Protein backbone atom coordinates (compact mmCIF):
# COMPACT_ATOMS: atom_id res chain seq x y z
CA MET A 1 -21.11 -14.22 19.26
CA PHE A 2 -20.94 -17.73 17.82
CA GLN A 3 -24.30 -17.79 15.98
CA ASP A 4 -26.11 -15.34 13.68
CA GLY A 5 -28.81 -13.69 15.75
CA PRO A 6 -31.95 -11.94 14.49
CA ILE A 7 -30.18 -8.72 13.46
CA ALA A 8 -27.44 -10.55 11.56
CA GLN A 9 -30.14 -12.59 9.82
CA ALA A 10 -31.99 -9.35 8.93
CA VAL A 11 -28.78 -8.03 7.35
CA ASP A 12 -28.63 -11.10 5.13
CA GLN A 13 -32.30 -10.71 4.21
CA VAL A 14 -32.06 -7.08 3.11
CA LYS A 15 -28.86 -7.80 1.19
CA ALA A 16 -30.73 -10.53 -0.69
CA LEU A 17 -33.27 -7.83 -1.65
CA GLY A 18 -30.50 -5.75 -3.22
CA VAL A 19 -29.69 -3.47 -0.27
CA SER A 20 -26.10 -2.73 0.76
CA TYR A 21 -25.60 -2.81 4.53
CA PHE A 22 -22.82 -1.12 6.51
CA SER A 23 -22.24 -1.76 10.19
CA ALA A 24 -19.90 -0.10 12.67
CA ALA A 25 -17.22 -2.63 13.61
CA GLY A 26 -17.27 -1.47 17.23
CA ASN A 27 -14.97 0.54 19.48
CA GLN A 28 -13.52 -2.18 21.72
CA ALA A 29 -10.26 -2.85 19.82
CA ARG A 30 -9.15 -6.22 21.19
CA THR A 31 -10.44 -6.03 24.76
CA SER A 32 -11.64 -9.61 24.46
CA TYR A 33 -10.63 -12.84 26.15
CA GLU A 34 -11.13 -16.31 24.60
CA SER A 35 -10.47 -19.72 26.10
CA PRO A 36 -11.95 -23.15 26.63
CA PHE A 37 -13.24 -23.66 30.15
CA ARG A 38 -10.36 -25.15 32.16
CA PRO A 39 -11.56 -26.78 35.39
CA SER A 40 -9.47 -25.54 38.31
CA GLY A 41 -10.65 -27.87 41.07
CA THR A 42 -11.38 -24.72 43.08
CA PHE A 43 -14.93 -23.91 44.10
CA PHE A 44 -16.72 -20.74 45.26
CA ASP A 45 -20.22 -19.92 46.47
CA ILE A 46 -21.77 -16.69 45.17
CA GLY A 47 -25.23 -17.54 46.43
CA PHE A 48 -26.18 -20.65 44.43
CA GLY A 49 -24.05 -23.31 46.05
CA LEU A 50 -20.51 -24.31 45.12
CA GLU A 51 -19.41 -23.51 41.56
CA GLU A 52 -16.13 -24.50 39.95
CA ALA A 53 -13.87 -21.64 38.85
CA HIS A 54 -12.23 -21.39 35.44
CA ASP A 55 -8.43 -21.56 35.44
CA PHE A 56 -7.15 -18.55 33.48
CA ASP A 57 -3.57 -19.84 33.55
CA PRO A 58 -2.96 -21.94 30.39
CA GLY A 59 0.21 -23.38 31.91
CA PRO A 60 0.78 -25.77 34.81
CA GLY A 61 -0.27 -23.21 37.43
CA ILE A 62 -3.79 -22.38 38.53
CA ASP A 63 -5.15 -18.84 38.63
CA THR A 64 -8.87 -18.27 38.94
CA CYS A 65 -8.70 -14.46 38.88
CA GLN A 66 -8.10 -12.26 35.83
CA GLN A 67 -7.10 -8.69 36.70
CA ILE A 68 -8.38 -5.71 34.75
CA THR A 69 -7.89 -1.97 35.34
CA LEU A 70 -10.73 0.51 35.24
CA PRO A 71 -9.94 4.24 35.27
CA GLY A 72 -11.35 6.53 37.91
CA GLY A 73 -14.81 7.66 36.87
CA GLY A 74 -14.64 5.19 33.99
CA GLN A 75 -17.30 2.81 32.86
CA LEU A 76 -17.26 -0.89 32.34
CA SER A 77 -20.56 -0.30 30.62
CA SER A 78 -20.99 -3.93 29.71
CA VAL A 79 -19.19 -7.23 30.08
CA SER A 80 -20.65 -9.62 27.53
CA PHE A 81 -19.73 -13.20 28.39
CA GLN A 82 -20.82 -16.04 26.08
CA TRP A 83 -19.92 -19.65 25.43
CA ASP A 84 -20.19 -22.17 22.61
CA GLN A 85 -23.72 -23.45 23.03
CA PRO A 86 -26.78 -22.47 20.97
CA PHE A 87 -29.13 -19.61 21.83
CA PHE A 88 -32.70 -20.63 22.61
CA SER A 89 -33.88 -17.14 21.57
CA VAL A 90 -32.44 -17.71 18.08
CA GLY A 91 -33.04 -21.36 17.20
CA GLY A 92 -35.36 -22.63 19.92
CA PRO A 93 -34.63 -25.78 21.97
CA PRO A 94 -32.39 -27.10 23.34
CA GLY A 95 -30.63 -23.81 24.17
CA SER A 96 -27.71 -23.76 26.54
CA GLN A 97 -26.70 -27.03 28.18
CA SER A 98 -24.51 -25.32 30.79
CA ASP A 99 -25.02 -22.67 33.43
CA LEU A 100 -22.06 -20.32 33.85
CA ASP A 101 -21.64 -17.14 35.87
CA ILE A 102 -19.16 -14.26 35.78
CA VAL A 103 -18.37 -11.97 38.69
CA LEU A 104 -16.43 -8.73 39.22
CA THR A 105 -14.43 -8.56 42.45
CA ASP A 106 -11.63 -6.61 44.05
CA ALA A 107 -8.15 -7.10 42.57
CA ALA A 108 -7.50 -10.18 44.68
CA CYS A 109 -10.83 -11.77 43.72
CA ASN A 110 -11.93 -11.85 47.36
CA ASN A 111 -14.88 -9.46 47.63
CA LEU A 112 -17.76 -9.68 45.20
CA THR A 113 -18.70 -6.36 43.55
CA ILE A 114 -21.27 -7.39 40.93
CA ARG A 115 -22.26 -10.57 39.13
CA GLY A 116 -23.89 -11.89 36.00
CA ALA A 117 -25.61 -15.01 37.26
CA ASP A 118 -28.82 -15.80 35.39
CA GLY A 119 -30.01 -19.37 35.04
CA ASN A 120 -28.91 -20.42 31.55
CA VAL A 121 -29.87 -24.07 31.07
CA GLY A 122 -32.46 -24.28 28.28
CA GLY A 123 -32.01 -20.57 27.58
CA ASP A 124 -29.26 -18.39 26.15
CA PRO A 125 -25.54 -18.94 26.92
CA VAL A 126 -24.85 -15.32 27.87
CA GLU A 127 -24.23 -13.27 31.00
CA VAL A 128 -24.01 -9.47 31.02
CA PHE A 129 -23.33 -6.84 33.67
CA GLY A 130 -21.98 -3.29 33.86
CA VAL A 131 -20.44 -1.02 36.48
CA ILE A 132 -19.09 2.54 36.90
CA ASN A 133 -15.90 3.09 38.91
CA ARG A 134 -16.72 6.16 40.99
CA GLY A 135 -13.39 6.02 42.80
CA GLN A 136 -9.77 6.27 41.68
CA THR A 137 -8.20 4.20 38.93
CA ALA A 138 -8.00 0.70 40.30
CA ALA A 139 -7.54 -2.95 39.48
CA PHE A 140 -10.46 -5.36 39.67
CA GLY A 141 -10.80 -9.10 39.22
CA LEU A 142 -12.95 -11.23 36.93
CA ARG A 143 -13.90 -14.76 37.87
CA ILE A 144 -15.76 -17.24 35.63
CA LEU A 145 -17.71 -20.01 37.38
CA ARG A 146 -19.47 -23.16 36.17
CA ARG A 147 -22.65 -23.87 38.11
CA SER A 148 -23.75 -26.91 36.10
CA GLY A 149 -23.46 -28.66 32.75
CA PRO A 150 -20.47 -29.65 30.61
CA PRO A 151 -17.42 -27.37 30.46
CA PRO A 152 -17.66 -25.22 27.30
CA GLY A 153 -15.10 -25.78 24.57
CA LEU A 154 -14.87 -22.03 23.93
CA MET A 155 -15.79 -18.99 26.01
CA LYS A 156 -15.45 -15.32 25.11
CA THR A 157 -15.71 -12.04 26.99
CA VAL A 158 -15.84 -8.61 25.35
CA LEU A 159 -15.38 -5.61 27.65
CA PHE A 160 -17.29 -2.49 26.61
CA GLY A 161 -16.49 0.83 28.23
CA SER A 162 -13.82 3.48 28.70
CA SER A 163 -11.03 3.54 26.15
CA THR A 164 -8.44 3.25 28.93
CA LEU A 165 -9.97 0.03 30.27
CA THR A 166 -7.30 -2.69 30.11
CA ILE A 167 -6.96 -6.43 30.63
CA ASN A 168 -3.84 -6.83 32.75
CA GLU A 169 -3.20 -10.57 32.53
CA PHE A 170 -4.07 -13.62 30.47
CA ASP A 171 -5.01 -11.23 27.69
CA THR A 172 -5.62 -13.19 24.49
CA ARG A 173 -6.22 -9.92 22.56
CA SER A 174 -9.03 -11.56 20.63
CA GLY A 175 -11.25 -9.75 18.16
CA ALA A 176 -14.07 -7.76 19.73
CA SER A 177 -16.30 -7.37 16.65
CA PHE A 178 -19.17 -9.86 16.57
CA GLY A 179 -22.88 -10.26 15.86
CA HIS A 180 -24.44 -8.18 13.09
CA ASN A 181 -21.12 -6.31 12.81
CA VAL A 182 -19.74 -9.42 11.08
CA ALA A 183 -22.91 -10.58 9.29
CA ARG A 184 -22.26 -12.41 6.04
CA GLY A 185 -24.41 -10.03 4.00
CA GLY A 186 -22.96 -6.74 5.26
CA LEU A 187 -19.68 -4.85 5.47
CA GLY A 188 -18.19 -4.18 8.89
CA VAL A 189 -16.47 -0.78 8.92
CA GLY A 190 -13.45 0.18 11.00
CA ALA A 191 -12.40 3.77 11.70
CA ALA A 192 -9.40 5.95 10.77
CA ASP A 193 -9.11 9.55 11.99
CA TYR A 194 -9.51 11.66 8.84
CA ARG A 195 -6.30 13.49 9.79
CA ASP A 196 -4.41 10.16 9.67
CA THR A 197 -5.13 9.54 5.98
CA PRO A 198 -3.16 10.27 2.77
CA ALA A 199 -5.25 13.37 2.04
CA PHE A 200 -3.75 14.89 5.20
CA GLY A 201 -0.20 13.61 4.76
CA GLN A 202 -0.35 10.22 6.50
CA SER A 203 0.44 7.28 4.21
CA PRO A 204 -0.42 4.54 4.77
CA PRO A 205 -3.42 5.62 6.83
CA LEU A 206 -3.64 4.63 10.49
CA ILE A 207 -6.44 2.72 12.17
CA GLU A 208 -7.98 4.23 15.31
CA ASN A 209 -6.60 2.44 18.37
CA PHE A 210 -10.14 1.68 19.56
CA SER A 211 -11.47 0.25 16.27
CA SER A 212 -12.64 -3.30 16.91
CA ALA A 213 -10.87 -6.21 15.26
CA GLY A 214 -12.66 -9.24 13.85
CA GLY A 215 -11.93 -12.95 13.85
CA THR A 216 -14.83 -14.23 15.98
CA ARG A 217 -15.78 -17.76 14.98
CA ILE A 218 -19.29 -18.73 13.85
CA LEU A 219 -19.89 -22.20 15.34
CA PHE A 220 -23.64 -22.75 14.85
CA ASP A 221 -26.21 -22.32 12.11
CA THR A 222 -29.35 -20.30 12.82
CA ALA A 223 -31.20 -23.42 13.97
CA GLY A 224 -28.56 -24.09 16.62
CA ASN A 225 -26.78 -26.97 14.88
CA ARG A 226 -23.02 -27.02 15.31
CA LEU A 227 -21.24 -26.49 12.00
CA ALA A 228 -18.92 -29.25 10.80
CA THR A 229 -16.33 -26.52 10.16
CA PHE A 230 -16.52 -23.19 11.93
CA GLU A 231 -16.66 -20.01 9.87
CA VAL A 232 -14.46 -16.93 10.30
CA ARG A 233 -15.66 -14.03 8.17
CA ALA A 234 -13.42 -11.40 6.59
CA GLN A 235 -14.76 -8.65 8.83
CA PRO A 236 -14.38 -5.78 9.34
CA ALA A 237 -14.14 -5.57 5.57
CA ILE A 238 -13.11 -1.94 5.14
CA THR A 239 -12.06 1.19 7.02
CA ALA A 240 -13.60 4.64 6.58
CA PRO A 241 -12.80 8.06 8.10
CA ASP A 242 -14.15 9.32 11.40
CA GLY A 243 -13.60 12.59 13.27
CA ALA A 244 -15.61 14.78 10.91
CA ASP A 245 -17.22 17.99 12.18
CA THR A 246 -20.83 17.89 13.30
CA THR A 247 -23.37 20.50 14.34
CA PHE A 248 -25.31 18.24 16.69
CA PHE A 249 -22.81 16.41 18.93
CA GLY A 250 -21.21 18.22 21.81
CA GLY A 251 -17.71 17.38 22.95
CA SER A 252 -14.14 18.02 21.87
CA ASP A 253 -12.92 20.07 18.92
CA PRO A 254 -9.39 18.69 18.34
CA ASP A 255 -9.05 20.18 14.85
CA GLY A 256 -9.96 23.68 16.07
CA THR A 257 -12.67 24.40 13.52
CA GLY A 258 -15.20 25.59 16.08
CA LEU A 259 -17.37 22.51 15.56
CA PRO A 260 -17.32 19.31 17.64
CA ASN A 261 -15.90 16.19 16.04
CA PHE A 262 -17.64 12.81 15.78
CA PHE A 263 -15.32 9.87 16.45
CA GLY A 264 -15.91 6.13 16.45
CA THR A 265 -16.91 3.44 14.00
CA SER A 266 -20.47 4.78 14.27
CA ALA A 267 -19.08 7.80 12.40
CA SER A 268 -17.11 5.81 9.83
CA ALA A 269 -19.89 3.44 8.73
CA PRO A 270 -22.12 6.27 7.38
CA HIS A 271 -19.20 7.56 5.29
CA ALA A 272 -18.91 4.12 3.66
CA ALA A 273 -22.67 4.05 3.07
CA GLY A 274 -22.42 7.50 1.46
CA VAL A 275 -19.86 6.25 -1.04
CA ALA A 276 -22.12 3.29 -1.80
CA ALA A 277 -24.92 5.78 -2.51
CA LEU A 278 -22.68 7.62 -4.97
CA ILE A 279 -21.90 4.33 -6.72
CA THR A 280 -25.60 3.50 -6.94
CA ASP A 281 -26.34 6.97 -8.31
CA ARG A 282 -23.73 6.52 -11.01
CA ASN A 283 -24.91 3.06 -12.00
CA PRO A 284 -28.19 1.84 -10.47
CA SER A 285 -27.55 -1.65 -11.80
CA PHE A 286 -24.74 -2.13 -9.26
CA GLY A 287 -26.01 -4.45 -6.51
CA PRO A 288 -24.48 -5.06 -3.07
CA ASP A 289 -21.88 -7.61 -4.25
CA ALA A 290 -20.60 -5.25 -6.95
CA ILE A 291 -20.51 -2.32 -4.54
CA TYR A 292 -18.67 -4.34 -1.88
CA SER A 293 -16.16 -5.56 -4.45
CA VAL A 294 -15.39 -2.06 -5.74
CA LEU A 295 -14.97 -0.62 -2.24
CA LYS A 296 -12.61 -3.39 -1.18
CA GLY A 297 -10.71 -3.51 -4.45
CA THR A 298 -9.92 0.23 -4.50
CA ALA A 299 -9.13 0.63 -0.78
CA VAL A 300 -5.73 1.87 0.42
CA ASP A 301 -3.94 -1.00 2.17
CA MET A 302 -3.38 -0.47 5.91
CA ASP A 303 -1.48 -2.22 8.66
CA GLU A 304 -2.99 -4.12 11.59
CA PRO A 305 -0.93 -2.78 14.53
CA ALA A 306 -1.60 -5.83 16.72
CA THR A 307 0.45 -8.10 14.44
CA ALA A 308 4.12 -8.08 13.49
CA GLY A 309 5.15 -6.61 10.14
CA PHE A 310 2.96 -4.92 7.57
CA ASP A 311 -0.21 -6.87 6.84
CA THR A 312 -0.55 -6.82 3.07
CA GLY A 313 -4.11 -7.20 1.85
CA PHE A 314 -6.90 -8.15 4.22
CA ASP A 315 -6.37 -8.21 7.98
CA PHE A 316 -8.80 -8.43 10.90
CA GLY A 317 -7.93 -4.95 12.17
CA THR A 318 -8.39 -2.81 9.05
CA GLY A 319 -10.12 -5.09 6.53
CA PHE A 320 -8.98 -4.37 2.98
CA GLY A 321 -8.04 -0.82 3.96
CA LEU A 322 -9.29 2.76 3.74
CA ILE A 323 -12.01 3.31 1.14
CA GLN A 324 -11.43 5.89 -1.65
CA ALA A 325 -14.55 7.44 -3.09
CA ASP A 326 -12.86 8.82 -6.21
CA ALA A 327 -11.07 5.56 -7.04
CA ALA A 328 -14.21 3.53 -6.41
CA LEU A 329 -16.33 5.71 -8.68
CA ALA A 330 -13.68 5.54 -11.40
CA GLU A 331 -14.19 1.76 -11.44
CA VAL A 332 -17.94 2.05 -11.94
CA PRO A 333 -18.99 2.25 -15.59
CA ALA A 334 -21.88 4.47 -16.47
CA PRO A 335 -25.00 2.52 -17.42
CA PRO A 336 -25.46 1.92 -21.16
CA PRO A 337 -27.62 4.51 -22.95
CA PRO A 338 -31.26 3.59 -23.47
CA PRO A 339 -32.06 2.01 -26.83
CA ALA A 340 -32.78 4.43 -29.68
CA ALA A 341 -36.44 5.20 -30.24
CA LEU A 342 -38.05 3.35 -33.16
CA PRO A 343 -39.17 5.51 -36.12
CA PRO A 344 -42.89 6.26 -36.27
CA PRO A 345 -44.85 3.69 -38.23
CA GLY A 346 -45.80 4.50 -41.86
CA PRO A 347 -49.31 4.34 -43.32
CA ARG A 348 -51.02 1.11 -42.48
CA PRO A 349 -52.45 -1.13 -45.22
CA VAL A 350 -56.20 -0.95 -45.11
CA ALA A 351 -59.08 -2.68 -46.87
CA THR A 352 -60.66 -0.55 -49.59
CA CYS A 353 -63.47 -1.05 -52.02
CA GLN A 354 -62.78 -2.12 -55.62
CA ALA A 355 -65.06 -2.93 -58.57
CA GLY A 356 -66.33 -6.48 -58.62
CA GLY A 357 -66.59 -6.66 -54.80
CA GLY A 358 -62.96 -7.70 -54.19
CA CYS A 359 -61.04 -6.02 -51.36
CA GLY A 360 -57.63 -4.61 -52.22
CA VAL A 361 -54.83 -2.88 -50.24
CA LEU A 362 -54.31 0.86 -50.48
CA LEU A 363 -51.61 2.67 -48.47
CA ALA A 364 -53.14 6.10 -48.83
CA CYS A 365 -56.17 5.47 -46.66
CA GLN A 366 -55.44 5.78 -42.90
CA ASP A 367 -58.76 4.50 -41.64
CA THR A 368 -58.51 0.77 -41.09
CA ASN A 369 -62.17 0.39 -40.25
CA THR A 370 -63.64 0.35 -43.76
CA LEU A 371 -66.61 -1.27 -45.39
CA CYS A 372 -66.28 -2.92 -48.84
CA THR A 373 -69.09 -2.50 -51.36
CA THR A 374 -69.73 -4.09 -54.76
CA SER A 375 -69.61 -0.80 -56.58
CA SER A 376 -66.63 0.78 -58.21
CA ILE A 377 -63.76 2.18 -56.09
CA SER A 378 -65.30 4.39 -53.43
CA PRO A 379 -64.13 6.38 -50.41
CA CYS A 380 -63.43 4.57 -47.12
CA LEU A 381 -66.65 4.18 -45.20
CA PRO A 382 -66.84 3.64 -41.43
CA MET A 383 -67.45 0.07 -40.36
CA PRO A 384 -70.81 -0.48 -38.57
């Protein structure tokens, strides 16, 4: 989350080779929690000895349990929990200096359900687990524990799963787009239902409520060195339509066309890439920077619903807005015509024979390989 991993680095590499790259922003909206580790003075044992719990309450109180709600039959397919220390798998030693764990419990944080509790020191600062709620809709608890090492200055969880999964308390509503989705060399793409766009009567267009917002901080370079100033990239950069008909995905047919619809930022990113292909077809000299600039500059401005008022220009929920293929192509000049062909060359001067043995120049003879003699003017003779 806080360092460009191998996929984000690959995005930058292919962009440097002249390739435009489009990445789905993600479908987690703002189901993300960010905070420094706040020591609570409260300790728990989940099988590795006593570990100090994080205090979720930013005020004077202490609360070591964050409640979330998971719908019946719903998935918490992945909880990705990371903290601000370098990844060994990206930059090599030293890796993580701290060992943290995260556990899912009942709503009161009494009974352990599942845990992410790998040993992290010298490795990667990440814990991941997933679970399916096979019962009724219910509240659960999350607890973050520090087993060893210094308290992190910044921690972040992103909850992947059912769209009705909610964070009930201490919700910082942080951006959930990270990793290669926000790589410097690519464009992160949010999603707008095609029916919620100006072509179908909705102006300004509306962002899908699941489309992931950006704003995740980059704290380390690829070697694991902490940056003097953290970087926040303008990602997602654009929004593109989703919900188009497909012939290969099963599922719902909300527009009643008889074909299932494909929703999500995984559907919107290919639409953006398709417009980039049209731009490249019109003018092959347009590289990634020019394509990105045209797409952003001709987008329809949209509002980020998580913030007050209309967000003019870029925002972390919708980027620069909904792309417009026709407007983008209108901004792309056709390549200049190829240079005119040169006229065919005229007769070439050639050496010919003249009286007295001197060689002159005669335009009428096309054979440049001639042999001079000492006789009077004679026909061109092949050179030996």
